[in-house]
Protein backbone atom coordinates (compact mmCIF):
# COMPACT_ATOMS: atom_id res chain seq x y z
CA MET A 1 12.01 0.48 -18.70
CA ALA A 2 12.41 -1.08 -15.31
CA TRP A 3 10.08 -4.53 -14.00
CA TYR A 4 8.52 -2.60 -11.25
CA GLU A 5 6.50 -0.41 -14.22
CA GLU A 6 4.58 -3.56 -14.97
CA ALA A 7 4.69 -4.76 -11.68
CA VAL A 8 1.59 -6.65 -10.21
CA PHE A 9 2.50 -6.77 -6.23
CA TYR A 10 1.22 -9.40 -3.57
CA HIS A 11 1.32 -8.32 -0.30
CA ILE A 12 2.64 -10.45 2.41
CA TYR A 13 2.73 -10.08 5.98
CA PRO A 14 4.74 -13.36 6.81
CA LEU A 15 4.28 -13.69 11.10
CA GLY A 16 0.52 -13.37 10.52
CA LEU A 17 0.00 -15.51 7.21
CA THR A 18 2.21 -18.57 9.22
CA GLY A 19 0.55 -18.31 12.57
CA ALA A 20 3.31 -17.35 14.38
CA PRO A 21 3.46 -16.59 18.03
CA LYS A 22 3.06 -12.77 19.00
CA LYS A 23 5.64 -12.91 20.87
CA ASN A 24 9.33 -14.04 20.38
CA SER A 25 10.84 -16.31 22.64
CA TYR A 26 14.44 -16.15 20.76
CA GLY A 27 14.34 -19.90 21.25
CA GLU A 28 15.14 -22.89 18.16
CA PRO A 29 14.01 -21.74 14.32
CA MET A 30 10.97 -22.79 13.38
CA HIS A 31 10.89 -23.22 9.49
CA ARG A 32 7.02 -21.68 9.22
CA LEU A 33 8.55 -19.71 6.17
CA ASN A 34 8.82 -22.56 4.03
CA THR A 35 5.02 -23.33 4.67
CA LEU A 36 4.57 -20.21 2.22
CA LEU A 37 6.42 -21.85 -0.52
CA PRO A 38 3.58 -23.58 -2.02
CA TRP A 39 1.61 -19.91 -2.25
CA ILE A 40 3.66 -19.01 -4.83
CA SER A 41 2.43 -20.42 -7.42
CA HIS A 42 -1.26 -19.37 -6.74
CA ILE A 43 0.65 -15.86 -6.55
CA LYS A 44 1.87 -16.05 -9.92
CA GLU A 45 -1.64 -18.17 -11.11
CA ILE A 46 -3.03 -14.81 -10.30
CA GLY A 47 -1.25 -12.32 -11.96
CA CYS A 48 0.66 -11.44 -9.56
CA ASN A 49 4.62 -11.31 -10.87
CA ALA A 50 5.73 -9.60 -7.66
CA ILE A 51 5.88 -10.11 -3.59
CA TYR A 52 6.13 -7.42 -0.92
CA ILE A 53 7.31 -9.32 2.17
CA GLY A 54 7.53 -8.45 5.57
CA PRO A 55 8.62 -7.40 8.67
CA LEU A 56 11.09 -10.60 8.29
CA PHE A 57 14.10 -10.27 10.60
CA GLU A 58 14.50 -11.04 14.39
CA SER A 59 12.00 -9.03 16.36
CA VAL A 60 10.43 -8.89 19.88
CA GLY A 61 6.85 -9.58 18.60
CA HIS A 62 4.96 -7.77 15.58
CA GLY A 63 8.07 -6.96 13.55
CA TYR A 64 8.60 -3.76 13.65
CA GLU A 65 11.08 -3.43 16.90
CA THR A 66 13.88 -5.32 14.83
CA THR A 67 16.99 -7.50 17.18
CA ASP A 68 18.88 -8.21 14.32
CA TYR A 69 19.08 -7.09 10.60
CA LYS A 70 20.55 -10.03 9.29
CA LYS A 71 18.80 -12.98 10.84
CA LEU A 72 15.51 -14.61 10.02
CA ASP A 73 13.13 -14.19 12.52
CA SER A 74 13.75 -17.10 14.76
CA ARG A 75 9.65 -17.64 14.37
CA LEU A 76 9.77 -18.06 10.40
CA GLY A 77 12.80 -20.16 10.42
CA THR A 78 16.77 -19.36 9.45
CA ASN A 79 18.39 -17.48 6.47
CA GLU A 80 18.90 -20.37 4.27
CA ASP A 81 14.85 -20.40 4.43
CA LEU A 82 14.51 -16.94 3.42
CA THR A 83 17.41 -17.36 0.39
CA ASN A 84 15.63 -20.28 -0.89
CA PHE A 85 12.07 -18.51 -0.61
CA VAL A 86 13.33 -15.87 -2.62
CA ALA A 87 15.14 -18.12 -5.23
CA GLU A 88 12.01 -20.17 -5.51
CA CYS A 89 9.94 -16.61 -6.29
CA HIS A 90 12.44 -16.45 -9.30
CA LYS A 91 12.49 -19.49 -10.71
CA GLN A 92 8.40 -18.55 -11.05
CA GLY A 93 9.27 -15.22 -12.47
CA ILE A 94 8.47 -12.99 -9.71
CA ARG A 95 10.75 -10.22 -7.96
CA VAL A 96 10.80 -9.43 -4.00
CA ILE A 97 11.32 -6.69 -2.04
CA LEU A 98 11.52 -6.59 1.77
CA ASP A 99 10.57 -4.57 4.79
CA GLY A 100 12.80 -2.11 5.48
CA VAL A 101 12.67 -0.74 8.84
CA PHE A 102 15.04 1.73 9.07
CA ASN A 103 13.43 4.20 11.16
CA HIS A 104 14.15 2.68 14.99
CA THR A 105 14.93 -0.51 16.47
CA GLY A 106 13.34 -2.68 18.85
CA ARG A 107 15.42 -2.10 22.71
CA ASP A 108 17.25 -5.80 21.94
CA PHE A 109 19.45 -4.41 19.42
CA PHE A 110 22.41 -4.87 20.02
CA ALA A 111 23.16 -0.88 20.12
CA PHE A 112 20.68 -0.36 22.25
CA GLN A 113 21.88 -2.95 24.60
CA ASP A 114 25.28 -1.60 24.48
CA ILE A 115 23.49 2.08 26.17
CA LYS A 116 21.74 0.12 29.04
CA ASN A 117 24.80 -1.68 29.71
CA HIS A 118 27.46 1.02 29.81
CA ARG A 119 25.39 4.55 29.94
CA GLU A 120 27.41 7.43 29.06
CA ASN A 121 30.42 4.96 28.15
CA SER A 122 28.60 3.57 25.33
CA GLN A 123 30.29 3.73 22.23
CA TYR A 124 26.85 3.50 20.40
CA LYS A 125 24.96 6.78 22.91
CA ASP A 126 24.56 8.88 19.49
CA TRP A 127 23.04 6.00 17.27
CA TYR A 128 19.27 7.11 18.94
CA CYS A 129 17.60 10.66 18.73
CA ASN A 130 17.98 12.43 21.76
CA VAL A 131 19.23 10.09 24.35
CA ASN A 132 19.19 11.88 28.10
CA PHE A 133 20.64 10.30 30.96
CA GLY A 134 19.07 12.22 33.21
CA GLY A 135 15.24 11.03 32.28
CA ASN A 136 13.96 7.98 32.28
CA ASN A 137 10.90 6.24 30.45
CA SER A 138 8.56 3.39 30.56
CA PHE A 139 10.75 0.49 31.22
CA GLN A 140 12.82 2.24 34.05
CA ASP A 141 15.50 2.25 32.21
CA GLY A 142 17.12 5.10 34.27
CA PHE A 143 17.36 7.20 30.68
CA SER A 144 15.01 8.43 27.60
CA TYR A 145 15.12 8.43 24.40
CA GLU A 146 12.87 9.71 21.49
CA ASN A 147 10.52 7.07 20.32
CA TRP A 148 8.78 6.30 17.57
CA GLY A 149 5.03 7.28 17.41
CA GLY A 150 5.09 7.24 21.34
CA TYR A 151 5.75 3.93 21.55
CA ASP A 152 8.91 3.54 24.27
CA LEU A 153 9.49 -0.16 22.58
CA LEU A 154 10.43 1.32 19.21
CA VAL A 155 13.85 3.60 19.68
CA LYS A 156 14.22 6.24 17.07
CA LEU A 157 17.58 5.79 15.54
CA ASN A 158 19.46 9.45 14.36
CA GLN A 159 19.99 9.02 11.17
CA HIS A 160 22.22 12.36 11.18
CA ASN A 161 24.86 10.00 12.57
CA PRO A 162 27.46 8.47 9.94
CA ALA A 163 27.87 5.42 11.76
CA VAL A 164 23.87 4.63 11.73
CA LYS A 165 24.10 5.22 7.94
CA ASP A 166 26.95 3.46 6.81
CA TYR A 167 25.51 0.41 9.19
CA ILE A 168 22.03 0.30 7.35
CA CYS A 169 23.48 0.72 4.10
CA ASP A 170 25.59 -1.71 4.50
CA VAL A 171 22.20 -4.24 5.98
CA ILE A 172 20.91 -3.31 1.92
CA ARG A 173 24.12 -4.71 0.68
CA PHE A 174 23.65 -8.02 2.98
CA TRP A 175 20.21 -8.98 1.79
CA VAL A 176 20.97 -8.62 -1.36
CA SER A 177 24.35 -10.96 -1.21
CA GLU A 178 22.89 -13.12 0.94
CA PHE A 179 19.21 -13.19 -0.37
CA ASP A 180 19.17 -11.97 -3.67
CA ILE A 181 16.28 -9.23 -3.13
CA ASP A 182 14.33 -6.90 -5.53
CA GLY A 183 13.77 -4.09 -3.68
CA ILE A 184 12.92 -2.71 -0.59
CA ARG A 185 10.04 -1.38 0.95
CA LEU A 186 10.99 1.60 3.67
CA ASP A 187 8.82 1.75 6.70
CA ALA A 188 7.47 5.09 7.85
CA ALA A 189 9.38 6.60 4.83
CA ASP A 190 7.24 10.19 5.70
CA VAL A 191 9.41 10.47 8.80
CA LEU A 192 13.35 9.29 7.61
CA ASP A 193 15.76 12.13 6.89
CA PHE A 194 16.16 13.28 3.75
CA ASP A 195 20.13 12.72 3.54
CA TYR A 196 19.37 9.74 4.94
CA MET A 197 17.20 8.29 2.19
CA LYS A 198 19.69 9.23 -0.47
CA ALA A 199 22.04 7.60 0.51
CA LEU A 200 20.06 4.49 0.66
CA ARG A 201 19.43 5.53 -3.05
CA HIS A 202 23.10 5.63 -3.35
CA VAL A 203 23.47 2.16 -2.69
CA ALA A 204 20.27 0.59 -4.51
CA ASN A 205 21.53 2.51 -7.56
CA GLU A 206 24.54 0.42 -6.65
CA VAL A 207 23.50 -2.99 -5.52
CA LYS A 208 21.59 -4.29 -8.69
CA PRO A 209 20.44 -2.96 -12.05
CA ASP A 210 16.70 -1.86 -11.19
CA PHE A 211 17.17 -2.42 -7.46
CA TRP A 212 13.31 -0.67 -6.26
CA LEU A 213 13.12 1.39 -3.29
CA MET A 214 9.82 2.20 -2.14
CA GLY A 215 8.54 4.51 0.45
CA GLU A 216 5.59 4.25 3.26
CA VAL A 217 4.08 7.38 2.90
CA ILE A 218 0.98 8.96 4.16
CA HIS A 219 0.47 12.38 3.83
CA GLY A 220 2.04 15.04 1.76
CA ASN A 221 3.74 16.00 -1.41
CA TYR A 222 4.51 12.32 -2.56
CA SER A 223 7.26 13.89 -4.99
CA ARG A 224 9.05 15.20 -1.98
CA TRP A 225 9.66 11.48 -1.42
CA ALA A 226 9.37 10.43 -5.07
CA ASN A 227 12.03 11.73 -7.27
CA ASP A 228 14.98 10.95 -9.07
CA GLY A 229 17.27 11.40 -5.65
CA THR A 230 15.51 9.96 -3.26
CA LEU A 231 13.00 6.81 -3.69
CA HIS A 232 11.17 5.73 -7.04
CA SER A 233 7.94 5.10 -5.39
CA VAL A 234 5.34 6.13 -2.03
CA THR A 235 2.47 4.75 -1.30
CA ASN A 236 -0.57 6.23 -2.58
CA TYR A 237 -3.07 6.39 0.40
CA MET A 238 -4.90 9.38 -0.95
CA LEU A 239 -5.97 7.33 -4.15
CA HIS A 240 -6.61 4.32 -1.35
CA LYS A 241 -9.20 6.44 0.32
CA ALA A 242 -10.79 7.64 -2.25
CA LEU A 243 -11.11 3.81 -3.92
CA TYR A 244 -13.47 2.62 -1.51
CA SER A 245 -15.20 6.04 -0.26
CA GLY A 246 -15.96 7.09 -3.68
CA HIS A 247 -18.20 3.67 -4.28
CA ASN A 248 -19.42 3.76 -0.35
CA ASP A 249 -20.37 7.31 -1.06
CA HIS A 250 -21.73 6.64 -4.53
CA ASN A 251 -19.12 9.87 -5.50
CA TYR A 252 -16.88 8.82 -8.90
CA PHE A 253 -16.09 12.81 -8.63
CA GLU A 254 -13.65 11.83 -5.42
CA ILE A 255 -11.73 9.47 -7.64
CA ALA A 256 -11.45 11.35 -10.49
CA HIS A 257 -10.12 14.61 -8.33
CA THR A 258 -7.88 11.91 -5.95
CA VAL A 259 -6.46 10.66 -9.56
CA LYS A 260 -5.86 14.21 -10.74
CA TYR A 261 -4.52 15.97 -7.90
CA VAL A 262 -2.04 13.08 -7.81
CA SER A 263 -1.22 13.42 -11.32
CA ASP A 264 -0.67 17.02 -11.10
CA MET A 265 1.63 16.18 -8.09
CA VAL A 266 4.26 13.76 -9.29
CA GLY A 267 4.09 14.19 -13.23
CA ASN A 268 3.44 10.99 -15.73
CA ASN A 269 6.78 9.22 -15.04
CA LEU A 270 6.64 8.13 -11.25
CA LYS A 271 4.48 5.31 -10.96
CA LEU A 272 2.81 4.84 -7.17
CA TYR A 273 1.97 2.33 -4.85
CA SER A 274 -1.43 1.54 -5.26
CA PHE A 275 -3.62 -0.75 -2.67
CA VAL A 276 -7.51 -0.92 -1.48
CA ASP A 277 -6.20 -2.50 1.90
CA ASN A 278 -2.96 -3.59 3.73
CA HIS A 279 -1.65 -4.19 7.33
CA ASP A 280 -2.37 -1.62 8.72
CA VAL A 281 -5.83 -0.63 7.05
CA GLU A 282 -9.05 -2.61 7.10
CA ARG A 283 -9.66 -4.98 4.46
CA ILE A 284 -11.61 -3.75 1.43
CA TYR A 285 -14.29 -6.47 1.66
CA THR A 286 -15.22 -5.13 5.18
CA LYS A 287 -15.07 -1.36 4.39
CA LEU A 288 -17.32 -1.58 1.41
CA THR A 289 -21.03 -1.01 2.20
CA ASN A 290 -21.91 -2.85 -0.90
CA LYS A 291 -19.97 -6.15 -1.70
CA GLU A 292 -20.75 -6.08 -5.23
CA HIS A 293 -18.47 -3.05 -5.48
CA PHE A 294 -15.18 -5.26 -4.56
CA LEU A 295 -15.64 -5.69 -8.50
CA PRO A 296 -15.27 -1.74 -10.00
CA VAL A 297 -13.07 -1.37 -7.50
CA HIS A 298 -10.26 -3.94 -8.15
CA VAL A 299 -11.12 -2.99 -12.17
CA MET A 300 -10.43 0.29 -10.65
CA LEU A 301 -7.16 -0.60 -8.83
CA TYR A 302 -5.71 -2.45 -12.40
CA THR A 303 -6.42 0.54 -14.77
CA LEU A 304 -5.83 3.83 -13.37
CA PRO A 305 -2.39 5.24 -13.06
CA GLY A 306 -0.16 3.22 -10.75
CA VAL A 307 1.73 -0.20 -9.71
CA PRO A 308 -1.35 -2.06 -8.29
CA SER A 309 -0.99 -4.66 -5.10
CA ILE A 310 -3.36 -7.57 -3.37
CA TYR A 311 -2.95 -8.10 0.00
CA TYR A 312 -2.85 -11.49 0.69
CA GLY A 313 -6.17 -13.27 1.81
CA SER A 314 -8.32 -10.05 0.22
CA GLU A 315 -8.18 -12.02 -3.33
CA PHE A 316 -10.45 -14.66 -1.42
CA GLY A 317 -12.87 -11.85 -0.02
CA ILE A 318 -12.12 -12.71 3.40
CA GLU A 319 -13.40 -9.75 6.19
CA GLY A 320 -10.78 -7.81 8.53
CA ARG A 321 -11.67 -4.90 11.09
CA LYS A 322 -9.38 -2.51 12.71
CA GLU A 323 -9.34 -3.06 16.49
CA ARG A 324 -8.65 -0.19 18.83
CA PHE A 325 -5.32 -2.31 20.60
CA SER A 326 -4.12 -5.02 17.88
CA ASP A 327 -4.45 -5.16 14.44
CA ASP A 328 -4.11 -9.39 14.41
CA SER A 329 -7.54 -9.39 12.97
CA LEU A 330 -5.81 -7.74 10.01
CA ARG A 331 -3.34 -10.34 9.69
CA PRO A 332 -4.79 -13.86 9.97
CA ALA A 333 -3.12 -16.88 9.56
CA LEU A 334 -4.20 -18.76 6.46
CA ASN A 335 -4.36 -22.23 5.61
CA TYR A 336 -3.11 -23.15 1.59
CA GLU A 337 -5.09 -26.28 1.39
CA ASP A 338 -8.17 -24.33 2.20
CA TYR A 339 -8.05 -21.82 -1.00
CA LYS A 340 -5.98 -23.76 -3.08
CA ASP A 341 -8.78 -24.13 -5.83
CA ALA A 342 -10.15 -20.48 -4.93
CA ILE A 343 -9.37 -19.50 -8.88
CA ASN A 344 -12.23 -22.34 -10.08
CA THR A 345 -14.89 -21.76 -7.27
CA ASN A 346 -14.52 -18.32 -5.32
CA PRO A 347 -15.50 -14.94 -7.48
CA CYS A 348 -13.58 -12.26 -5.92
CA THR A 349 -10.65 -14.66 -6.40
CA LYS A 350 -11.65 -15.35 -10.08
CA LEU A 351 -11.74 -11.57 -10.81
CA ILE A 352 -8.48 -10.95 -9.38
CA ALA A 353 -7.00 -13.45 -11.37
CA ALA A 354 -8.27 -12.03 -14.79
CA LEU A 355 -7.42 -8.53 -14.02
CA GLY A 356 -3.75 -9.75 -13.13
CA LYS A 357 -3.75 -11.39 -16.39
CA ILE A 358 -5.22 -8.60 -18.38
CA ARG A 359 -2.61 -5.60 -17.25
CA GLN A 360 0.29 -8.50 -17.76
CA ASN A 361 -1.26 -8.53 -21.56
CA THR A 362 -1.98 -5.81 -21.63
CA PRO A 363 0.92 -2.42 -22.22
CA ALA A 364 -1.24 0.33 -21.70
CA LEU A 365 -2.46 -0.23 -18.37
CA CYS A 366 0.95 0.46 -17.28
CA TYR A 367 2.01 2.96 -19.62
CA GLY A 368 -0.61 4.21 -21.08
CA ASP A 369 -1.30 8.08 -20.69
CA TYR A 370 -4.59 8.83 -18.51
CA GLN A 371 -7.27 10.78 -19.65
CA GLU A 372 -11.21 11.27 -18.36
CA LEU A 373 -13.67 10.29 -20.95
CA GLU A 374 -17.26 10.54 -18.79
CA LEU A 375 -17.57 11.39 -15.01
CA LYS A 376 -20.60 10.69 -13.45
CA THR A 377 -21.91 10.34 -9.48
CA THR A 378 -22.29 6.84 -10.48
CA HIS A 379 -20.58 5.92 -13.70
CA TYR A 380 -17.33 6.93 -14.98
CA ALA A 381 -14.90 6.05 -17.84
CA TYR A 382 -11.47 6.45 -18.70
CA ALA A 383 -8.78 5.93 -21.25
CA ARG A 384 -5.13 4.47 -20.93
CA THR A 385 -3.42 5.33 -24.23
CA LEU A 386 -0.13 3.80 -25.31
CA GLY A 387 0.85 4.47 -29.15
CA GLY A 388 -2.30 6.24 -30.29
CA LYS A 389 -4.50 3.06 -29.17
CA SER A 390 -6.39 3.82 -26.31
CA VAL A 391 -7.67 1.12 -23.77
CA ILE A 392 -10.81 2.11 -22.10
CA THR A 393 -12.41 1.68 -18.34
CA THR A 394 -16.04 1.70 -17.54
CA VAL A 395 -17.36 1.85 -14.07
CA ASN A 396 -20.93 1.82 -12.81
CA ASN A 397 -21.20 1.91 -8.65
CA GLY A 398 -25.45 2.36 -8.89
CA ASP A 399 -27.97 0.30 -9.02
CA ASN A 400 -28.97 0.73 -12.03
CA ASP A 401 -27.70 -0.12 -15.75
CA ALA A 402 -25.55 2.79 -17.24
CA TYR A 403 -24.96 3.78 -20.61
CA MET A 404 -22.13 5.53 -21.93
CA ASP A 405 -21.74 7.10 -25.66
CA LEU A 406 -17.27 7.40 -25.50
CA VAL A 407 -15.17 8.42 -27.75
CA CYS A 408 -12.42 5.91 -28.26
CA GLY A 409 -10.45 6.19 -31.54
CA ASP A 410 -10.03 4.74 -35.15
CA PHE A 411 -10.79 1.26 -34.75
CA ALA A 412 -13.16 -1.55 -36.04
CA GLU A 413 -13.93 -2.82 -32.82
CA TYR A 414 -13.43 -3.72 -29.01
CA VAL A 415 -13.53 -6.32 -26.77
CA GLY A 416 -14.91 -6.57 -23.21
CA ALA A 417 -11.74 -8.01 -21.43
CA LEU A 418 -13.63 -9.21 -18.38
CA LYS A 419 -16.86 -10.51 -20.24
CA GLY A 420 -15.82 -10.82 -24.13
CA GLU A 421 -18.74 -8.74 -25.12
CA ARG A 422 -17.46 -7.12 -28.62
CA VAL A 423 -18.99 -3.63 -29.78
CA SER A 424 -18.09 -1.88 -33.39
CA VAL A 425 -16.93 1.56 -33.33
CA ASN A 426 -19.13 3.67 -34.93
CA GLY A 427 -17.53 7.39 -36.05
CA GLY A 428 -14.53 7.14 -33.70
CA ARG A 429 -16.86 6.68 -30.67
CA ILE A 430 -18.90 3.10 -28.91
CA GLN A 431 -21.69 2.94 -27.44
CA VAL A 432 -21.37 0.26 -24.63
CA ARG A 433 -23.72 -0.66 -21.30
CA VAL A 434 -22.26 -1.27 -18.11
CA PRO A 435 -24.47 -3.06 -15.41
CA ALA A 436 -25.32 -2.30 -11.96
CA ASN A 437 -22.37 -2.18 -9.76
CA ALA A 438 -20.28 -3.71 -12.06
CA GLY A 439 -17.32 -2.88 -14.84
CA GLU A 440 -15.35 -3.91 -17.85
CA ILE A 441 -11.91 -2.92 -19.66
CA TRP A 442 -12.51 -2.57 -23.61
CA ILE A 443 -9.75 -3.65 -25.69
CA PRO A 444 -9.02 -2.72 -29.31
CA ALA A 445 -10.05 -6.25 -30.94
CA GLU A 446 -6.48 -5.87 -32.77
CA LEU A 447 -4.57 -5.51 -29.98
CA CYS A 448 -5.88 -9.32 -28.62
CA GLY A 449 -3.83 -12.01 -29.89
CA GLU A 450 -3.14 -15.35 -29.22
CA SER A 451 -1.91 -14.26 -25.54
CA PHE A 452 -4.94 -12.35 -24.73
CA ALA A 453 -8.92 -14.11 -24.24
CA PRO A 454 -11.62 -12.46 -22.62
CA ILE A 455 -12.08 -14.33 -19.42
CA LYS A 456 -15.98 -14.50 -18.07
CA THR A 457 -15.58 -13.80 -14.63
CA VAL A 458 -18.66 -14.00 -12.20
CA GLU A 459 -20.56 -11.73 -10.07
CA ILE A 460 -19.82 -10.97 -6.82
CA GLU A 461 -22.72 -11.66 -5.01
CA LYS A 462 -24.22 -8.66 -2.78
CA ALA A 463 -23.68 -10.20 1.00
CA PRO A 464 -27.28 -11.58 2.88
CA GLU A 465 -28.31 -9.50 5.91
CA PRO A 466 -27.13 -11.55 8.69
CA LYS A 467 -30.55 -13.54 10.01
CA ALA A 468 -31.57 -12.98 13.95
CA GLU A 469 -30.75 -15.93 15.89
CA PRO A 470 -34.05 -17.57 17.59
CA GLY A 471 -35.23 -15.19 20.86
CA GLU A 472 -32.81 -12.29 19.81
CA GLN A 473 -34.28 -9.18 19.20
CA PRO A 474 -33.13 -7.48 16.29
CA LYS A 475 -30.69 -4.68 16.57
CA PRO A 476 -31.68 -1.19 16.05
CA GLU A 477 -30.84 1.36 13.14
CA PRO A 478 -27.35 3.36 13.83
CA VAL A 479 -28.50 6.49 15.57
CA GLU A 480 -26.53 9.41 14.07
CA GLN A 481 -24.07 10.91 15.84
CA GLN A 482 -24.00 14.06 16.59
CA GLU A 483 -21.91 16.62 14.38
CA GLU A 484 -18.31 16.69 16.31
CA LYS A 485 -16.93 20.20 17.85
CA LYS A 486 -15.14 21.87 15.82
CA PRO A 487 -11.51 22.66 17.15
CA GLU A 488 -10.69 26.00 18.83
CA LYS A 489 -9.06 28.59 15.89
CA VAL A 490 -5.20 28.06 16.05
CA ILE A 491 -3.56 31.50 15.58
CA LEU A 492 0.16 31.26 13.74
CA ASP A 493 2.95 32.79 14.09
CA TRP A 494 4.73 32.40 10.68
CA ASN A 495 7.99 32.98 11.97
CA LYS A 496 8.02 29.90 14.47
CA PRO A 497 9.91 27.13 12.85
CA TYR A 498 8.19 24.01 12.11
CA GLU A 499 10.01 22.11 14.76
CA ASP A 500 8.71 24.55 17.46
CA MET A 501 5.18 24.45 16.48
CA SER A 502 2.56 22.42 18.58
CA VAL A 503 0.57 19.42 16.16
CA GLU A 504 -2.10 21.75 16.17
CA GLU A 505 -0.44 24.60 14.67
CA LEU A 506 0.91 22.04 11.91
CA GLN A 507 -2.13 20.94 10.95
CA GLU A 508 -3.49 24.28 10.84
CA ALA A 509 -0.31 25.54 9.25
CA ILE A 510 -0.84 22.65 6.52
CA LEU A 511 -4.18 23.83 5.99
CA GLU A 512 -3.56 27.53 5.34
CA LYS A 513 -0.91 25.97 2.43
CA MET A 514 -3.59 24.00 1.36
CA ARG A 515 -6.03 27.28 0.99
CA ARG A 516 -3.56 28.63 -1.20
CA ASN A 517 -3.89 26.38 -3.54
CA GLY A 518 -7.31 25.67 -4.37
CA PRO A 519 -10.67 24.78 -1.86
CA VAL A 520 -9.88 22.66 0.87
CA THR A 521 -12.37 19.26 0.56
CA ASP A 522 -13.42 17.27 3.39
CA TYR A 523 -11.66 14.45 2.26
CA MET A 524 -8.32 16.77 2.71
CA LEU A 525 -9.51 18.22 6.27
CA GLY A 526 -9.91 15.17 7.33
CA THR A 527 -6.42 13.58 6.56
CA VAL A 528 -4.60 16.76 8.12
CA ARG A 529 -6.89 16.24 11.30
CA GLU A 530 -6.11 12.48 11.79
CA ASN A 531 -2.30 12.64 11.55
CA THR A 532 -1.07 13.81 15.09
CA TYR A 533 2.50 12.75 14.55
CA ARG A 534 4.54 15.50 14.84
CA ASP A 535 7.97 14.11 12.02
CA SER A 536 5.12 13.25 9.96
CA LEU A 537 3.32 16.42 9.84
CA VAL A 538 6.60 18.49 9.71
CA ASN A 539 7.97 17.00 6.97
CA TRP A 540 4.11 17.47 5.50
CA VAL A 541 4.20 20.87 5.86
CA LYS A 542 7.81 21.55 4.22
CA SER A 543 6.25 19.49 1.43
CA PHE A 544 4.51 21.87 -0.20
CA GLN A 545 6.26 24.21 -2.88
């Protein structure tokens, strides 16, 4: 059993949380990382035992345009600050993984600067993809190159080049020896070369026992990335989407279908990284139509199969809406002093702390087999069974109480871990009431030892409707948008290499392969149409068996 199988993560975007300037002047180090030291005890107090923090290393702006992989961003401090931060986390029993931005670098990275200065004579001209000295780019360098996501600021590394592979592997060894980290989250893993990732896995196995490699994968068959030869885990974006939309639409069938779909894809042994928000998507409190659903959403996050993660600030119920040209509102600066008593005063924080404690004291939630017990559009029950003993989760997204009669096994009594309610077992079944817009975790009383005590949380209050200012006209009700025009039919040539297909052809190829495996839901269709990144689509279409 590896440490990450029992982990509850706390995700920190450090440049945002510390209020660092948006642009790096490469000046004297500012020791902002040290302001995060008080947060470590808070992270432990809310039941998290692992931190994912990043990006951290010298960069131009948002952190993903790396300038130096071996130097802490000067806006955050020095390498010594990072060493001390990890050491303090370890002292408090918290593991640390960093962001590994190994798909691309920034333009200030030494290899790219050498190409600018020496052009065809640069020894690093093969470090990047498709460098063409007969072309040009948006910075007017007099040569072109492949970028990531259409941004010339992000220069795509040539991962087939052994020198690049060796350099990045050396970076991982350096991070372990210098900072004693416990793992890496690979940025843009869904467009990384697979032999490149296998090399990274080889180093991970070498540097430290149970060193964890987790990858950012948005679309595709997760088992193609997460397996014995490449990564230990990937981000479960499918569950992320299902958790909020399944509540907004009062449709637990979407969540249950997603759980089964992912389970069939990866099996029972792989534990994916589960989340309801992060630095790239809107805050869960913003996404939820009914703010009371904050409770059942998080009950499910902590009890469904996977490794749960909380994004900094969301345990306080803060808002964050994605903007067209900026993610700044998703990555705000927070002052620890403003939240140091939140566990006693904020119902959202109380809930997250309770769930963290419950998960840490209930092995079935980490290792137990999943079984669906009852499924309706508005209420849902499932069990996690370990050693013949089942822990049962019940959730309700409706505005009326739900009553369930559930198979539970041969026990005398169950205890509601959040509210402390006790229910007797009768003929191997329990009958429970689940209040409107709420949830509960039912644990056999015999498993509730001295280390476990039910925590009576308070309900998440419904957000009040905003009042109009004096003289302000009330906002009109939203008008239904016209149905989006369907894309024109694409005729596929299956003899054409995927690499030569257009984005539209790749999307249609993916949909066709999905149709061969079963019905294509609106959700599945939407995820395909929303993905316009060629590399990601090529990897996705290849991921089908």
